[in-house]
């Protein structure tokens, strides 16, 4: 392994990075982990063919990994045995962290499978929104992933609480902007946990913090992996006491983009 580069070397490296290189670093800062296929979808879409984009993406990722801007995980994304290098998973490397002004800690172990699956699912949704905007199906104003989208507020009894959405999204339709908190469900949490999270959204709305921040309170969208899970989440929310139904929307993952494109109605 090469020695840790000094400040002068770091600045030379920064100056040698392209706008796309820096965009990849920014995406990994936002999502923490991405597959090569996801990076390709976000940053390599303007080439003559998908094959050309994939080939250039592989070269760029190899170069950034060699420079320790990125680090490649041992684990691959689901289907990795057949997906080749497109299934490799990446995170910011030690040099990438320093480019952002952060000293990266050495990872003693890779994240759990459940954590990675959820992180990649959230990134998939973000990518679907970006692609919908590229196709003219959606006007995307802002997206924030964890922890940028987290909200702190004073709860009952004066305790400091943290609401942890998976995504905060702002879309536009005509003259109107629409704000959304998005929860990506993979059927790994109990329905009781889902209801507790909904109750926390209600408590956060009651605090008034979001209205003072942006003038409105976002709708909360639950993205379910299938129709059965969607029905169970919707029923649990409807059956729970003191959960205002107008605050929540529950849709299958394939319907989230259409919901957000249609605006809050």
Protein backbone atom coordinates (compact mmCIF):
# COMPACT_ATOMS: atom_id res chain seq x y z
CA UNK A 1 0.00 0.00 0.00
CA UNK A 2 1.32 3.46 -0.87
CA UNK A 3 2.15 5.92 1.88
CA UNK A 4 -0.39 8.46 3.04
CA UNK A 5 -0.11 11.54 0.87
CA UNK A 6 0.57 14.96 2.40
CA UNK A 7 -1.35 18.17 1.97
CA UNK A 8 0.51 19.21 -1.16
CA UNK A 9 -0.09 15.82 -2.75
CA UNK A 10 -3.74 15.97 -1.73
CA UNK A 11 -4.14 19.34 -3.45
CA UNK A 12 -2.44 18.04 -6.60
CA UNK A 13 -4.79 15.08 -6.58
CA UNK A 14 -7.80 17.36 -6.13
CA UNK A 15 -6.71 19.53 -9.05
CA UNK A 16 -6.35 16.44 -11.23
CA UNK A 17 -9.86 15.17 -10.54
CA UNK A 18 -12.53 15.81 -13.13
CA UNK A 19 -15.95 17.21 -12.38
CA UNK A 20 -17.31 13.68 -12.78
CA UNK A 21 -14.72 12.30 -10.34
CA UNK A 22 -15.83 14.87 -7.77
CA UNK A 23 -19.45 14.00 -8.50
CA UNK A 24 -18.74 10.36 -7.66
CA UNK A 25 -17.09 11.42 -4.40
CA UNK A 26 -20.14 13.57 -3.61
CA UNK A 27 -22.54 10.69 -4.34
CA UNK A 28 -20.63 8.39 -2.01
CA UNK A 29 -20.56 11.06 0.67
CA UNK A 30 -24.33 11.24 0.33
CA UNK A 31 -25.11 7.51 0.23
CA UNK A 32 -22.04 6.00 1.95
CA UNK A 33 -22.15 2.86 -0.23
CA UNK A 34 -22.95 2.42 -3.92
CA UNK A 35 -22.55 -0.38 -6.41
CA UNK A 36 -20.60 0.16 -9.61
CA UNK A 37 -23.88 -0.16 -11.50
CA UNK A 38 -25.43 2.62 -9.41
CA UNK A 39 -22.41 4.88 -9.94
CA UNK A 40 -22.64 4.18 -13.66
CA UNK A 41 -26.33 5.14 -13.69
CA UNK A 42 -25.66 8.41 -11.89
CA UNK A 43 -22.51 9.56 -13.67
CA UNK A 44 -21.94 7.69 -16.94
CA UNK A 45 -25.20 8.04 -18.83
CA UNK A 46 -24.12 10.33 -21.67
CA UNK A 47 -22.05 7.92 -23.74
CA UNK A 48 -22.69 6.50 -27.20
CA UNK A 49 -23.83 3.18 -25.75
CA UNK A 50 -24.43 1.57 -22.38
CA UNK A 51 -21.48 -0.72 -23.03
CA UNK A 52 -19.16 2.26 -23.59
CA UNK A 53 -20.41 3.92 -20.42
CA UNK A 54 -19.84 0.73 -18.42
CA UNK A 55 -16.32 0.32 -19.78
CA UNK A 56 -15.34 3.91 -18.96
CA UNK A 57 -16.94 3.60 -15.53
CA UNK A 58 -14.79 0.56 -14.74
CA UNK A 59 -11.63 2.46 -15.69
CA UNK A 60 -12.54 5.50 -13.62
CA UNK A 61 -13.43 3.43 -10.57
CA UNK A 62 -10.16 1.49 -10.86
CA UNK A 63 -8.20 4.77 -11.01
CA UNK A 64 -10.01 6.28 -8.03
CA UNK A 65 -9.58 3.08 -6.02
CA UNK A 66 -5.86 2.98 -6.80
CA UNK A 67 -5.59 6.55 -5.49
CA UNK A 68 -7.59 5.54 -2.37
CA UNK A 69 -10.24 8.09 -3.19
CA UNK A 70 -12.57 5.09 -3.13
CA UNK A 71 -12.35 1.70 -1.49
CA UNK A 72 -13.94 -1.46 -2.87
CA UNK A 73 -15.74 -3.72 -0.43
CA UNK A 74 -15.22 -7.46 -0.34
CA UNK A 75 -18.95 -8.11 -0.52
CA UNK A 76 -20.76 -7.70 -3.82
CA UNK A 77 -24.30 -6.56 -4.54
CA UNK A 78 -27.02 -9.16 -4.92
CA UNK A 79 -26.50 -11.09 -8.14
CA UNK A 80 -22.81 -10.28 -8.07
CA UNK A 81 -21.68 -13.73 -9.16
CA UNK A 82 -23.26 -13.08 -12.54
CA UNK A 83 -22.97 -9.30 -12.73
CA UNK A 84 -19.19 -9.07 -12.85
CA UNK A 85 -17.58 -5.77 -11.92
CA UNK A 86 -20.95 -3.98 -12.03
CA UNK A 87 -21.78 -5.64 -8.70
CA UNK A 88 -18.72 -4.34 -6.81
CA UNK A 89 -19.59 -2.09 -3.88
CA UNK A 90 -17.71 1.12 -3.16
CA UNK A 91 -17.29 3.56 -0.29
CA UNK A 92 -15.08 6.59 0.22
CA UNK A 93 -11.47 5.69 0.86
CA UNK A 94 -9.11 7.45 3.23
CA UNK A 95 -8.06 9.98 0.59
CA UNK A 96 -11.65 10.53 -0.49
CA UNK A 97 -12.57 11.38 3.07
CA UNK A 98 -9.71 13.87 3.28
CA UNK A 99 -10.87 15.51 0.06
CA UNK A 100 -14.09 16.26 1.90
CA UNK A 101 -12.23 17.54 4.94
CA UNK A 102 -12.85 14.40 6.95
CA UNK A 103 -10.34 11.96 8.33
CA UNK A 104 -11.71 8.51 7.49
CA UNK A 105 -11.51 5.92 10.20
CA UNK A 106 -10.13 2.52 9.28
CA UNK A 107 -12.99 0.05 8.92
CA UNK A 108 -12.45 -2.90 11.23
CA UNK A 109 -15.27 -4.77 9.53
CA UNK A 110 -17.63 -4.28 6.65
CA UNK A 111 -21.23 -3.22 7.34
CA UNK A 112 -23.90 -5.83 7.87
CA UNK A 113 -25.79 -7.31 4.96
CA UNK A 114 -29.07 -5.82 6.19
CA UNK A 115 -27.55 -2.34 6.46
CA UNK A 116 -26.04 -2.53 2.98
CA UNK A 117 -29.25 -3.85 1.43
CA UNK A 118 -31.22 -0.95 2.88
CA UNK A 119 -28.58 1.63 1.93
CA UNK A 120 -28.48 0.38 -1.67
CA UNK A 121 -32.30 0.32 -1.84
CA UNK A 122 -32.43 3.99 -0.79
CA UNK A 123 -29.82 4.79 -3.44
CA UNK A 124 -31.88 2.90 -6.03
CA UNK A 125 -34.85 5.12 -5.28
CA UNK A 126 -32.73 8.26 -5.55
CA UNK A 127 -31.38 7.04 -8.90
CA UNK A 128 -34.92 6.34 -10.13
CA UNK A 129 -35.86 9.93 -9.29
CA UNK A 130 -32.79 11.29 -11.10
CA UNK A 131 -33.54 9.19 -14.17
CA UNK A 132 -37.18 10.30 -14.15
CA UNK A 133 -36.00 13.91 -14.14
CA UNK A 134 -33.64 13.21 -17.07
CA UNK A 135 -36.60 11.79 -19.00
CA UNK A 136 -38.75 14.83 -18.25
CA UNK A 137 -41.21 12.89 -16.08
CA UNK A 138 -40.35 14.71 -12.86
CA UNK A 139 -38.93 18.05 -11.75
CA UNK A 140 -36.52 17.25 -8.94
CA UNK A 141 -35.49 20.25 -6.84
CA UNK A 142 -33.62 18.65 -3.95
CA UNK A 143 -32.72 15.28 -2.47
CA UNK A 144 -31.06 14.59 0.88
CA UNK A 145 -30.06 11.16 2.15
CA UNK A 146 -29.02 10.16 5.66
CA UNK A 147 -27.75 11.83 7.76
CA UNK A 148 -28.32 15.14 5.93
CA UNK A 149 -32.10 14.61 6.00
CA UNK A 150 -32.29 13.90 9.73
CA UNK A 151 -34.22 16.36 11.87
CA UNK A 152 -33.65 17.22 15.53
CA UNK A 153 -36.45 18.47 17.75
CA UNK A 154 -37.50 18.73 21.38
CA UNK A 155 -39.82 15.88 22.30
CA UNK A 156 -42.11 15.22 25.23
CA UNK A 157 -40.48 16.12 28.52
CA UNK A 158 -37.87 18.31 26.88
CA UNK A 159 -35.73 15.45 25.55
CA UNK A 160 -33.75 16.06 22.35
CA UNK A 161 -35.04 13.65 19.69
CA UNK A 162 -33.81 12.81 16.19
CA UNK A 163 -36.14 11.88 13.35
CA UNK A 164 -34.31 9.74 10.79
CA UNK A 165 -36.02 9.62 7.38
CA UNK A 166 -34.31 7.68 4.60
CA UNK A 167 -34.72 10.53 2.10
CA UNK A 168 -35.97 14.09 2.00
CA UNK A 169 -37.16 15.09 -1.46
CA UNK A 170 -38.47 18.31 -2.96
CA UNK A 171 -40.26 18.12 -6.31
CA UNK A 172 -42.10 20.73 -8.35
CA UNK A 173 -45.18 20.76 -10.53
CA UNK A 174 -46.05 24.02 -12.18
CA UNK A 175 -45.66 26.86 -9.70
CA UNK A 176 -45.82 24.60 -6.67
CA UNK A 177 -43.10 22.77 -4.77
CA UNK A 178 -43.86 19.57 -2.84
CA UNK A 179 -41.84 18.22 0.07
CA UNK A 180 -41.60 14.56 1.03
CA UNK A 181 -40.04 12.40 3.70
CA UNK A 182 -39.47 8.89 2.29
CA UNK A 183 -39.12 5.64 4.22
CA UNK A 184 -37.82 2.66 2.26
CA UNK A 185 -39.25 -0.52 3.79
CA UNK A 186 -37.75 -3.94 3.01
CA UNK A 187 -40.05 -5.98 5.28
CA UNK A 188 -37.28 -6.27 7.87
CA UNK A 189 -39.04 -4.16 10.52
CA UNK A 190 -42.13 -5.19 12.47
CA UNK A 191 -45.39 -3.36 11.84
CA UNK A 192 -45.17 -2.10 15.43
CA UNK A 193 -41.85 -0.46 14.54
CA UNK A 194 -43.47 1.13 11.49
CA UNK A 195 -46.26 2.56 13.64
CA UNK A 196 -43.74 3.88 16.17
CA UNK A 197 -41.85 5.63 13.36
CA UNK A 198 -45.11 7.17 12.13
CA UNK A 199 -45.84 8.39 15.66
CA UNK A 200 -42.43 10.07 15.69
CA UNK A 201 -43.33 11.94 12.50
CA UNK A 202 -46.50 13.14 14.22
CA UNK A 203 -44.47 14.27 17.23
CA UNK A 204 -42.02 16.08 14.97
CA UNK A 205 -44.85 17.85 13.15
CA UNK A 206 -46.28 18.89 16.50
CA UNK A 207 -42.94 20.50 17.41
CA UNK A 208 -43.35 23.04 14.60
CA UNK A 209 -39.67 22.84 13.64
CA UNK A 210 -40.24 21.91 10.01
CA UNK A 211 -42.84 24.60 9.39
CA UNK A 212 -40.48 27.22 10.80
CA UNK A 213 -37.73 25.81 8.59
CA UNK A 214 -39.56 25.50 5.27
CA UNK A 215 -43.09 26.79 5.75
CA UNK A 216 -44.77 23.42 5.33
CA UNK A 217 -44.67 19.85 6.59
CA UNK A 218 -43.74 17.11 4.08
CA UNK A 219 -45.95 14.17 3.34
CA UNK A 220 -44.46 10.88 4.58
CA UNK A 221 -44.17 8.19 1.89
CA UNK A 222 -43.66 4.54 2.81
CA UNK A 223 -42.13 2.57 -0.06
CA UNK A 224 -43.07 -1.10 0.28
CA UNK A 225 -41.36 -3.97 -1.59
CA UNK A 226 -44.60 -5.64 -2.70
CA UNK A 227 -48.39 -5.33 -2.64
CA UNK A 228 -48.87 -7.52 0.43
CA UNK A 229 -46.46 -5.48 2.51
CA UNK A 230 -48.03 -2.26 1.25
CA UNK A 231 -51.47 -3.43 2.38
CA UNK A 232 -50.16 -4.47 5.79
CA UNK A 233 -48.41 -1.14 6.40
CA UNK A 234 -51.46 0.84 5.26
CA UNK A 235 -53.73 -1.21 7.52
CA UNK A 236 -51.40 -0.80 10.51
CA UNK A 237 -51.31 2.99 10.05
CA UNK A 238 -55.09 3.20 9.59
CA UNK A 239 -55.69 1.07 12.71
CA UNK A 240 -53.30 3.00 14.96
CA UNK A 241 -54.65 5.68 17.25
CA UNK A 242 -53.67 9.31 16.79
CA UNK A 243 -52.03 8.79 13.39
CA UNK A 244 -53.58 11.25 10.91
CA UNK A 245 -54.11 9.34 7.68
CA UNK A 246 -53.65 12.43 5.52
CA UNK A 247 -50.00 12.66 6.59
CA UNK A 248 -48.97 9.27 5.16
CA UNK A 249 -48.89 7.59 1.77
CA UNK A 250 -48.06 3.91 1.31
CA UNK A 251 -47.12 2.66 -2.15
CA UNK A 252 -45.12 -0.13 -3.72
CA UNK A 253 -41.56 0.78 -4.58
CA UNK A 254 -42.40 0.81 -8.29
CA UNK A 255 -45.00 3.53 -7.69
CA UNK A 256 -42.95 6.03 -5.67
CA UNK A 257 -41.69 8.03 -8.65
CA UNK A 258 -45.22 8.37 -10.07
CA UNK A 259 -46.53 9.50 -6.70
CA UNK A 260 -43.88 12.16 -6.28
CA UNK A 261 -44.26 13.29 -9.90
CA UNK A 262 -47.97 13.84 -9.32
CA UNK A 263 -47.41 16.17 -6.39
CA UNK A 264 -49.04 16.25 -2.97
CA UNK A 265 -52.76 15.90 -3.53
